[in-house]
Amino acid sequence: MSATPLPDVILYTRDGCHLCDETRALVQSLLEDRAARGRPAGLLRERDITANEEWERQFFATIPVVEVRGRRLELATSAGKLRRFLDEALDAALV
């Protein structure tokens, strides 16, 4: 039986976004907590929206945005919402 690779956790951000900085720290903490409890935790990857015109158009007013396998949480600043989102998205990746 082969293990299913965990999906990346993508954080759409841009320089100077203090909400993005806070969300980065929160997501990293939540992923570390999941790993410590033996639950699946993907790797956090960042995408600077200013590096891609489509991302900038799509996410300018809604960053920070967290994405896992096409599921997105926009204005991702609530610890409770982020925890639920990651739980649902990462646990669904195992099914």
PDB file of N, CA and C in Angstrom:
ATOM      1  N   MET A   1       0.846  -1.177   0.000  1.00  0.00           N
ATOM      2  CA  MET A   1       0.000   0.000   0.000  1.00  0.00           C
ATOM      3  C   MET A   1       0.890   1.238   0.000  1.00  0.00           C
ATOM      4  N   SER A   2       0.692   2.132  -0.942  1.00  0.00           N
ATOM      5  CA  SER A   2       1.523   3.334  -1.007  1.00  0.00           C
ATOM      6  C   SER A   2       0.831   4.488  -0.300  1.00  0.00           C
ATOM      7  N   ALA A   3       1.627   5.320   0.309  1.00  0.00           N
ATOM      8  CA  ALA A   3       1.083   6.471   1.034  1.00  0.00           C
ATOM      9  C   ALA A   3       0.714   7.570   0.044  1.00  0.00           C
ATOM     10  N   THR A   4      -0.419   8.183   0.295  1.00  0.00           N
ATOM     11  CA  THR A   4      -0.851   9.307  -0.534  1.00  0.00           C
ATOM     12  C   THR A   4      -0.054  10.531  -0.123  1.00  0.00           C
ATOM     13  N   PRO A   5       0.594  11.206  -1.068  1.00  0.00           N
ATOM     14  CA  PRO A   5       1.357  12.401  -0.688  1.00  0.00           C
ATOM     15  C   PRO A   5       0.412  13.498  -0.195  1.00  0.00           C
ATOM     16  N   LEU A   6       0.869  14.201   0.795  1.00  0.00           N
ATOM     17  CA  LEU A   6       0.063  15.294   1.334  1.00  0.00           C
ATOM     18  C   LEU A   6       0.111  16.499   0.398  1.00  0.00           C
ATOM     19  N   PRO A   7      -0.988  17.200   0.302  1.00  0.00           N
ATOM     20  CA  PRO A   7      -0.997  18.390  -0.550  1.00  0.00           C
ATOM     21  C   PRO A   7      -0.256  19.537   0.120  1.00  0.00           C
ATOM     22  N   ASP A   8       0.251  20.442  -0.717  1.00  0.00           N
ATOM     23  CA  ASP A   8       0.833  21.674  -0.192  1.00  0.00           C
ATOM     24  C   ASP A   8      -0.276  22.569   0.319  1.00  0.00           C
ATOM     25  N   VAL A   9       0.046  23.361   1.316  1.00  0.00           N
ATOM     26  CA  VAL A   9      -0.844  24.404   1.815  1.00  0.00           C
ATOM     27  C   VAL A   9      -0.289  25.704   1.240  1.00  0.00           C
ATOM     28  N   ILE A  10      -1.054  26.310   0.333  1.00  0.00           N
ATOM     29  CA  ILE A  10      -0.593  27.506  -0.372  1.00  0.00           C
ATOM     30  C   ILE A  10      -1.128  28.746   0.334  1.00  0.00           C
ATOM     31  N   LEU A  11      -0.248  29.704   0.581  1.00  0.00           N
ATOM     32  CA  LEU A  11      -0.640  30.995   1.143  1.00  0.00           C
ATOM     33  C   LEU A  11      -0.350  32.068   0.102  1.00  0.00           C
ATOM     34  N   TYR A  12      -1.413  32.687  -0.390  1.00  0.00           N
ATOM     35  CA  TYR A  12      -1.273  33.818  -1.316  1.00  0.00           C
ATOM     36  C   TYR A  12      -1.108  35.071  -0.472  1.00  0.00           C
ATOM     37  N   THR A  13      -0.061  35.841  -0.780  1.00  0.00           N
ATOM     38  CA  THR A  13       0.322  36.981   0.039  1.00  0.00           C
ATOM     39  C   THR A  13       0.971  38.046  -0.838  1.00  0.00           C
ATOM     40  N   ARG A  14       1.403  39.112  -0.219  1.00  0.00           N
ATOM     41  CA  ARG A  14       2.231  40.121  -0.890  1.00  0.00           C
ATOM     42  C   ARG A  14       3.031  40.848   0.173  1.00  0.00           C
ATOM     43  N   ASP A  15       4.134  41.457  -0.226  1.00  0.00           N
ATOM     44  CA  ASP A  15       4.965  42.219   0.713  1.00  0.00           C
ATOM     45  C   ASP A  15       4.152  43.343   1.332  1.00  0.00           C
ATOM     46  N   GLY A  16       4.398  43.600   2.603  1.00  0.00           N
ATOM     47  CA  GLY A  16       3.743  44.702   3.293  1.00  0.00           C
ATOM     48  C   GLY A  16       2.359  44.380   3.815  1.00  0.00           C
ATOM     49  N   CYS A  17       1.910  43.153   3.666  1.00  0.00           N
ATOM     50  CA  CYS A  17       0.583  42.753   4.137  1.00  0.00           C
ATOM     51  C   CYS A  17       0.722  42.189   5.545  1.00  0.00           C
ATOM     52  N   HIS A  18       0.373  42.988   6.553  1.00  0.00           N
ATOM     53  CA  HIS A  18       0.534  42.518   7.933  1.00  0.00           C
ATOM     54  C   HIS A  18      -0.416  41.369   8.257  1.00  0.00           C
ATOM     55  N   LEU A  19      -1.596  41.351   7.640  1.00  0.00           N
ATOM     56  CA  LEU A  19      -2.510  40.221   7.852  1.00  0.00           C
ATOM     57  C   LEU A  19      -1.894  38.930   7.305  1.00  0.00           C
ATOM     58  N   CYS A  20      -1.183  39.054   6.191  1.00  0.00           N
ATOM     59  CA  CYS A  20      -0.508  37.895   5.604  1.00  0.00           C
ATOM     60  C   CYS A  20       0.576  37.370   6.548  1.00  0.00           C
ATOM     61  N   ASP A  21       1.316  38.277   7.169  1.00  0.00           N
ATOM     62  CA  ASP A  21       2.357  37.882   8.120  1.00  0.00           C
ATOM     63  C   ASP A  21       1.751  37.125   9.296  1.00  0.00           C
ATOM     64  N   GLU A  22       0.634  37.628   9.816  1.00  0.00           N
ATOM     65  CA  GLU A  22      -0.043  36.980  10.942  1.00  0.00           C
ATOM     66  C   GLU A  22      -0.591  35.613  10.536  1.00  0.00           C
ATOM     67  N   THR A  23      -1.164  35.534   9.341  1.00  0.00           N
ATOM     68  CA  THR A  23      -1.719  34.273   8.869  1.00  0.00           C
ATOM     69  C   THR A  23      -0.620  33.252   8.634  1.00  0.00           C
ATOM     70  N   ARG A  24       0.521  33.678   8.091  1.00  0.00           N
ATOM     71  CA  ARG A  24       1.660  32.783   7.882  1.00  0.00           C
ATOM     72  C   ARG A  24       2.055  32.119   9.206  1.00  0.00           C
ATOM     73  N   ALA A  25       2.206  32.914  10.244  1.00  0.00           N
ATOM     74  CA  ALA A  25       2.599  32.381  11.548  1.00  0.00           C
ATOM     75  C   ALA A  25       1.522  31.449  12.103  1.00  0.00           C
ATOM     76  N   LEU A  26       0.266  31.817  11.930  1.00  0.00           N
ATOM     77  CA  LEU A  26      -0.830  31.009  12.433  1.00  0.00           C
ATOM     78  C   LEU A  26      -0.921  29.669  11.696  1.00  0.00           C
ATOM     79  N   VAL A  27      -0.842  29.697  10.383  1.00  0.00           N
ATOM     80  CA  VAL A  27      -0.912  28.453   9.607  1.00  0.00           C
ATOM     81  C   VAL A  27       0.258  27.551   9.962  1.00  0.00           C
ATOM     82  N   GLN A  28       1.455  28.105  10.060  1.00  0.00           N
ATOM     83  CA  GLN A  28       2.624  27.297  10.422  1.00  0.00           C
ATOM     84  C   GLN A  28       2.424  26.650  11.789  1.00  0.00           C
ATOM     85  N   SER A  29       1.893  27.403  12.735  1.00  0.00           N
ATOM     86  CA  SER A  29       1.625  26.872  14.068  1.00  0.00           C
ATOM     87  C   SER A  29       0.583  25.750  14.023  1.00  0.00           C
ATOM     88  N   LEU A  30      -0.476  25.952  13.251  1.00  0.00           N
ATOM     89  CA  LEU A  30      -1.521  24.931  13.133  1.00  0.00           C
ATOM     90  C   LEU A  30      -0.979  23.660  12.473  1.00  0.00           C
ATOM     91  N   LEU A  31      -0.134  23.808  11.461  1.00  0.00           N
ATOM     92  CA  LEU A  31       0.451  22.646  10.812  1.00  0.00           C
ATOM     93  C   LEU A  31       1.389  21.899  11.767  1.00  0.00           C
ATOM     94  N   GLU A  32       2.161  22.629  12.541  1.00  0.00           N
ATOM     95  CA  GLU A  32       3.054  22.001  13.521  1.00  0.00           C
ATOM     96  C   GLU A  32       2.246  21.263  14.588  1.00  0.00           C
ATOM     97  N   ASP A  33       1.126  21.858  15.014  1.00  0.00           N
ATOM     98  CA  ASP A  33       0.253  21.223  16.001  1.00  0.00           C
ATOM     99  C   ASP A  33      -0.336  19.926  15.444  1.00  0.00           C
ATOM    100  N   ARG A  34      -0.787  19.974  14.190  1.00  0.00           N
ATOM    101  CA  ARG A  34      -1.335  18.766  13.568  1.00  0.00           C
ATOM    102  C   ARG A  34      -0.276  17.665  13.524  1.00  0.00           C
ATOM    103  N   ALA A  35       0.925  18.004  13.112  1.00  0.00           N
ATOM    104  CA  ALA A  35       2.003  17.024  13.021  1.00  0.00           C
ATOM    105  C   ALA A  35       2.328  16.434  14.392  1.00  0.00           C
ATOM    106  N   ALA A  36       2.349  17.274  15.423  1.00  0.00           N
ATOM    107  CA  ALA A  36       2.649  16.818  16.781  1.00  0.00           C
ATOM    108  C   ALA A  36       1.579  15.852  17.288  1.00  0.00           C
ATOM    109  N   ARG A  37       0.363  15.995  16.788  1.00  0.00           N
ATOM    110  CA  ARG A  37      -0.726  15.107  17.200  1.00  0.00           C
ATOM    111  C   ARG A  37      -0.877  13.908  16.257  1.00  0.00           C
ATOM    112  N   GLY A  38       0.082  13.744  15.342  1.00  0.00           N
ATOM    113  CA  GLY A  38       0.053  12.609  14.439  1.00  0.00           C
ATOM    114  C   GLY A  38      -0.946  12.733  13.304  1.00  0.00           C
ATOM    115  N   ARG A  39      -1.412  13.930  13.051  1.00  0.00           N
ATOM    116  CA  ARG A  39      -2.359  14.167  11.959  1.00  0.00           C
ATOM    117  C   ARG A  39      -1.595  14.681  10.746  1.00  0.00           C
ATOM    118  N   PRO A  40      -2.129  14.458   9.559  1.00  0.00           N
ATOM    119  CA  PRO A  40      -1.424  14.894   8.353  1.00  0.00           C
ATOM    120  C   PRO A  40      -1.280  16.410   8.292  1.00  0.00           C
ATOM    121  N   ALA A  41      -0.103  16.847   7.915  1.00  0.00           N
ATOM    122  CA  ALA A  41       0.163  18.285   7.799  1.00  0.00           C
ATOM    123  C   ALA A  41       0.997  18.508   6.540  1.00  0.00           C
ATOM    124  N   GLY A  42       0.451  19.215   5.584  1.00  0.00           N
ATOM    125  CA  GLY A  42       1.185  19.514   4.360  1.00  0.00           C
ATOM    126  C   GLY A  42       2.247  20.571   4.607  1.00  0.00           C
ATOM    127  N   LEU A  43       3.000  20.848   3.565  1.00  0.00           N
ATOM    128  CA  LEU A  43       4.023  21.891   3.639  1.00  0.00           C
ATOM    129  C   LEU A  43       3.427  23.232   3.250  1.00  0.00           C
ATOM    130  N   LEU A  44       3.791  24.263   3.977  1.00  0.00           N
ATOM    131  CA  LEU A  44       3.345  25.619   3.673  1.00  0.00           C
ATOM    132  C   LEU A  44       4.208  26.195   2.557  1.00  0.00           C
ATOM    133  N   ARG A  45       3.551  26.632   1.504  1.00  0.00           N
ATOM    134  CA  ARG A  45       4.219  27.278   0.367  1.00  0.00           C
ATOM    135  C   ARG A  45       3.568  28.635   0.162  1.00  0.00           C
ATOM    136  N   GLU A  46       4.381  29.631  -0.130  1.00  0.00           N
ATOM    137  CA  GLU A  46       3.842  30.976  -0.355  1.00  0.00           C
ATOM    138  C   GLU A  46       3.899  31.352  -1.819  1.00  0.00           C
ATOM    139  N   ARG A  47       2.891  32.116  -2.217  1.00  0.00           N
ATOM    140  CA  ARG A  47       2.862  32.674  -3.557  1.00  0.00           C
ATOM    141  C   ARG A  47       2.609  34.171  -3.433  1.00  0.00           C
ATOM    142  N   ASP A  48       3.548  34.947  -3.931  1.00  0.00           N
ATOM    143  CA  ASP A  48       3.425  36.401  -3.933  1.00  0.00           C
ATOM    144  C   ASP A  48       2.527  36.791  -5.103  1.00  0.00           C
ATOM    145  N   ILE A  49       1.382  37.380  -4.800  1.00  0.00           N
ATOM    146  CA  ILE A  49       0.427  37.693  -5.863  1.00  0.00           C
ATOM    147  C   ILE A  49       0.966  38.714  -6.853  1.00  0.00           C
ATOM    148  N   THR A  50       1.953  39.501  -6.449  1.00  0.00           N
ATOM    149  CA  THR A  50       2.491  40.510  -7.366  1.00  0.00           C
ATOM    150  C   THR A  50       3.382  39.884  -8.438  1.00  0.00           C
ATOM    151  N   ALA A  51       3.704  38.604  -8.294  1.00  0.00           N
ATOM    152  CA  ALA A  51       4.532  37.910  -9.282  1.00  0.00           C
ATOM    153  C   ALA A  51       3.710  37.356 -10.445  1.00  0.00           C
ATOM    154  N   ASN A  52       2.383  37.455 -10.347  1.00  0.00           N
ATOM    155  CA  ASN A  52       1.521  36.863 -11.363  1.00  0.00           C
ATOM    156  C   ASN A  52       0.275  37.752 -11.512  1.00  0.00           C
ATOM    157  N   GLU A  53       0.071  38.291 -12.696  1.00  0.00           N
ATOM    158  CA  GLU A  53      -1.047  39.224 -12.908  1.00  0.00           C
ATOM    159  C   GLU A  53      -2.397  38.598 -12.583  1.00  0.00           C
ATOM    160  N   GLU A  54      -2.577  37.340 -12.927  1.00  0.00           N
ATOM    161  CA  GLU A  54      -3.860  36.664 -12.648  1.00  0.00           C
ATOM    162  C   GLU A  54      -4.096  36.545 -11.143  1.00  0.00           C
ATOM    163  N   TRP A  55      -3.070  36.137 -10.389  1.00  0.00           N
ATOM    164  CA  TRP A  55      -3.208  36.052  -8.934  1.00  0.00           C
ATOM    165  C   TRP A  55      -3.518  37.424  -8.351  1.00  0.00           C
ATOM    166  N   GLU A  56      -2.830  38.446  -8.853  1.00  0.00           N
ATOM    167  CA  GLU A  56      -3.042  39.793  -8.318  1.00  0.00           C
ATOM    168  C   GLU A  56      -4.478  40.248  -8.572  1.00  0.00           C
ATOM    169  N   ARG A  57      -4.975  40.013  -9.778  1.00  0.00           N
ATOM    170  CA  ARG A  57      -6.373  40.365 -10.078  1.00  0.00           C
ATOM    171  C   ARG A  57      -7.339  39.581  -9.201  1.00  0.00           C
ATOM    172  N   GLN A  58      -7.073  38.304  -9.075  1.00  0.00           N
ATOM    173  CA  GLN A  58      -7.985  37.419  -8.371  1.00  0.00           C
ATOM    174  C   GLN A  58      -7.986  37.629  -6.856  1.00  0.00           C
ATOM    175  N   PHE A  59      -6.822  37.894  -6.261  1.00  0.00           N
ATOM    176  CA  PHE A  59      -6.716  37.880  -4.801  1.00  0.00           C
ATOM    177  C   PHE A  59      -6.400  39.223  -4.151  1.00  0.00           C
ATOM    178  N   PHE A  60      -6.230  40.287  -4.929  1.00  0.00           N
ATOM    179  CA  PHE A  60      -5.788  41.559  -4.357  1.00  0.00           C
ATOM    180  C   PHE A  60      -6.630  41.990  -3.152  1.00  0.00           C
ATOM    181  N   ALA A  61      -7.950  41.884  -3.263  1.00  0.00           N
ATOM    182  CA  ALA A  61      -8.839  42.359  -2.195  1.00  0.00           C
ATOM    183  C   ALA A  61      -9.157  41.295  -1.156  1.00  0.00           C
ATOM    184  N   THR A  62      -8.640  40.071  -1.341  1.00  0.00           N
ATOM    185  CA  THR A  62      -9.033  39.004  -0.418  1.00  0.00           C
ATOM    186  C   THR A  62      -7.864  38.311   0.272  1.00  0.00           C
ATOM    187  N   ILE A  63      -6.615  38.802   0.073  1.00  0.00           N
ATOM    188  CA  ILE A  63      -5.492  38.172   0.763  1.00  0.00           C
ATOM    189  C   ILE A  63      -5.557  38.513   2.245  1.00  0.00           C
ATOM    190  N   PRO A  64      -5.060  37.647   3.072  1.00  0.00           N
ATOM    191  CA  PRO A  64      -4.431  36.378   2.771  1.00  0.00           C
ATOM    192  C   PRO A  64      -5.455  35.313   2.360  1.00  0.00           C
ATOM    193  N   VAL A  65      -5.047  34.501   1.399  1.00  0.00           N
ATOM    194  CA  VAL A  65      -5.853  33.385   0.922  1.00  0.00           C
ATOM    195  C   VAL A  65      -5.060  32.106   1.149  1.00  0.00           C
ATOM    196  N   VAL A  66      -5.719  31.119   1.751  1.00  0.00           N
ATOM    197  CA  VAL A  66      -5.087  29.820   1.966  1.00  0.00           C
ATOM    198  C   VAL A  66      -5.792  28.827   1.050  1.00  0.00           C
ATOM    199  N   GLU A  67      -4.990  27.999   0.369  1.00  0.00           N
ATOM    200  CA  GLU A  67      -5.531  27.038  -0.590  1.00  0.00           C
ATOM    201  C   GLU A  67      -4.936  25.655  -0.350  1.00  0.00           C
ATOM    202  N   VAL A  68      -5.791  24.657  -0.399  1.00  0.00           N
ATOM    203  CA  VAL A  68      -5.359  23.263  -0.335  1.00  0.00           C
ATOM    204  C   VAL A  68      -6.147  22.511  -1.403  1.00  0.00           C
ATOM    205  N   ARG A  69      -5.440  21.990  -2.402  1.00  0.00           N
ATOM    206  CA  ARG A  69      -6.053  21.221  -3.501  1.00  0.00           C
ATOM    207  C   ARG A  69      -7.281  21.910  -4.103  1.00  0.00           C
ATOM    208  N   GLY A  70      -7.149  23.180  -4.400  1.00  0.00           N
ATOM    209  CA  GLY A  70      -8.235  23.904  -5.050  1.00  0.00           C
ATOM    210  C   GLY A  70      -9.288  24.466  -4.112  1.00  0.00           C
ATOM    211  N   ARG A  71      -9.301  24.053  -2.866  1.00  0.00           N
ATOM    212  CA  ARG A  71     -10.215  24.632  -1.871  1.00  0.00           C
ATOM    213  C   ARG A  71      -9.553  25.895  -1.345  1.00  0.00           C
ATOM    214  N   ARG A  72     -10.326  26.960  -1.243  1.00  0.00           N
ATOM    215  CA  ARG A  72      -9.735  28.233  -0.805  1.00  0.00           C
ATOM    216  C   ARG A  72     -10.507  28.834   0.363  1.00  0.00           C
ATOM    217  N   LEU A  73      -9.739  29.460   1.238  1.00  0.00           N
ATOM    218  CA  LEU A  73     -10.291  30.264   2.322  1.00  0.00           C
ATOM    219  C   LEU A  73      -9.741  31.666   2.128  1.00  0.00           C
ATOM    220  N   GLU A  74     -10.615  32.589   1.756  1.00  0.00           N
ATOM    221  CA  GLU A  74     -10.203  33.975   1.529  1.00  0.00           C
ATOM    222  C   GLU A  74     -10.295  34.762   2.830  1.00  0.00           C
ATOM    223  N   LEU A  75      -9.529  35.854   2.904  1.00  0.00           N
ATOM    224  CA  LEU A  75      -9.433  36.656   4.123  1.00  0.00           C
ATOM    225  C   LEU A  75      -9.211  35.739   5.322  1.00  0.00           C
ATOM    226  N   ALA A  76      -8.229  34.877   5.186  1.00  0.00           N
ATOM    227  CA  ALA A  76      -7.951  33.831   6.165  1.00  0.00           C
ATOM    228  C   ALA A  76      -7.228  34.409   7.373  1.00  0.00           C
ATOM    229  N   THR A  77      -7.967  34.962   8.300  1.00  0.00           N
ATOM    230  CA  THR A  77      -7.356  35.588   9.468  1.00  0.00           C
ATOM    231  C   THR A  77      -7.870  35.024  10.794  1.00  0.00           C
ATOM    232  N   SER A  78      -8.931  34.258  10.771  1.00  0.00           N
ATOM    233  CA  SER A  78      -9.515  33.709  11.987  1.00  0.00           C
ATOM    234  C   SER A  78      -8.873  32.358  12.317  1.00  0.00           C
ATOM    235  N   ALA A  79      -8.344  32.241  13.526  1.00  0.00           N
ATOM    236  CA  ALA A  79      -7.704  30.992  13.937  1.00  0.00           C
ATOM    237  C   ALA A  79      -8.684  29.826  13.868  1.00  0.00           C
ATOM    238  N   GLY A  80      -9.913  30.033  14.312  1.00  0.00           N
ATOM    239  CA  GLY A  80     -10.914  28.967  14.290  1.00  0.00           C
ATOM    240  C   GLY A  80     -11.255  28.532  12.881  1.00  0.00           C
ATOM    241  N   LYS A  81     -11.455  29.497  11.988  1.00  0.00           N
ATOM    242  CA  LYS A  81     -11.781  29.163  10.598  1.00  0.00           C
ATOM    243  C   LYS A  81     -10.618  28.465   9.915  1.00  0.00           C
ATOM    244  N   LEU A  82      -9.402  28.942  10.181  1.00  0.00           N
ATOM    245  CA  LEU A  82      -8.225  28.309   9.589  1.00  0.00           C
ATOM    246  C   LEU A  82      -8.070  26.873  10.084  1.00  0.00           C
ATOM    247  N   ARG A  83      -8.266  26.648  11.370  1.00  0.00           N
ATOM    248  CA  ARG A  83      -8.145  25.291  11.929  1.00  0.00           C
ATOM    249  C   ARG A  83      -9.170  24.363  11.277  1.00  0.00           C
ATOM    250  N   ARG A  84     -10.425  24.807  11.189  1.00  0.00           N
ATOM    251  CA  ARG A  84     -11.470  23.985  10.563  1.00  0.00           C
ATOM    252  C   ARG A  84     -11.154  23.725   9.089  1.00  0.00           C
ATOM    253  N   PHE A  85     -10.732  24.771   8.385  1.00  0.00           N
ATOM    254  CA  PHE A  85     -10.400  24.638   6.969  1.00  0.00           C
ATOM    255  C   PHE A  85      -9.289  23.612   6.767  1.00  0.00           C
ATOM    256  N   LEU A  86      -8.202  23.739   7.534  1.00  0.00           N
ATOM    257  CA  LEU A  86      -7.082  22.809   7.406  1.00  0.00           C
ATOM    258  C   LEU A  86      -7.494  21.397   7.796  1.00  0.00           C
ATOM    259  N   ASP A  87      -8.273  21.264   8.856  1.00  0.00           N
ATOM    260  CA  ASP A  87      -8.743  19.941   9.262  1.00  0.00           C
ATOM    261  C   ASP A  87      -9.534  19.274   8.148  1.00  0.00           C
ATOM    262  N   GLU A  88     -10.485  20.002   7.578  1.00  0.00           N
ATOM    263  CA  GLU A  88     -11.312  19.440   6.517  1.00  0.00           C
ATOM    264  C   GLU A  88     -10.485  19.145   5.260  1.00  0.00           C
ATOM    265  N   ALA A  89      -9.674  20.100   4.839  1.00  0.00           N
ATOM    266  CA  ALA A  89      -8.928  19.941   3.586  1.00  0.00           C
ATOM    267  C   ALA A  89      -7.836  18.872   3.699  1.00  0.00           C
ATOM    268  N   LEU A  90      -7.089  18.856   4.784  1.00  0.00           N
ATOM    269  CA  LEU A  90      -6.008  17.896   4.911  1.00  0.00           C
ATOM    270  C   LEU A  90      -6.518  16.498   5.257  1.00  0.00           C
ATOM    271  N   ASP A  91      -7.559  16.407   6.070  1.00  0.00           N
ATOM    272  CA  ASP A  91      -8.102  15.092   6.387  1.00  0.00           C
ATOM    273  C   ASP A  91      -8.786  14.493   5.149  1.00  0.00           C
ATOM    274  N   ALA A  92      -9.396  15.323   4.318  1.00  0.00           N
ATOM    275  CA  ALA A  92     -10.033  14.841   3.084  1.00  0.00           C
ATOM    276  C   ALA A  92      -8.993  14.324   2.096  1.00  0.00           C
ATOM    277  N   ALA A  93      -7.775  14.824   2.196  1.00  0.00           N
ATOM    278  CA  ALA A  93      -6.712  14.390   1.298  1.00  0.00           C
ATOM    279  C   ALA A  93      -6.346  12.923   1.538  1.00  0.00           C
ATOM    280  N   LEU A  94      -6.690  12.406   2.699  1.00  0.00           N
ATOM    281  CA  LEU A  94      -6.353  11.017   3.030  1.00  0.00           C
ATOM    282  C   LEU A  94      -7.385  10.027   2.507  1.00  0.00           C
ATOM    283  N   VAL A  95      -8.544  10.512   2.166  1.00  0.00           N
ATOM    284  CA  VAL A  95      -9.629   9.631   1.736  1.00  0.00           C
ATOM    285  C   VAL A  95      -9.450   9.199   0.304  1.00  0.00           C
TER     286      VAL A  95
END
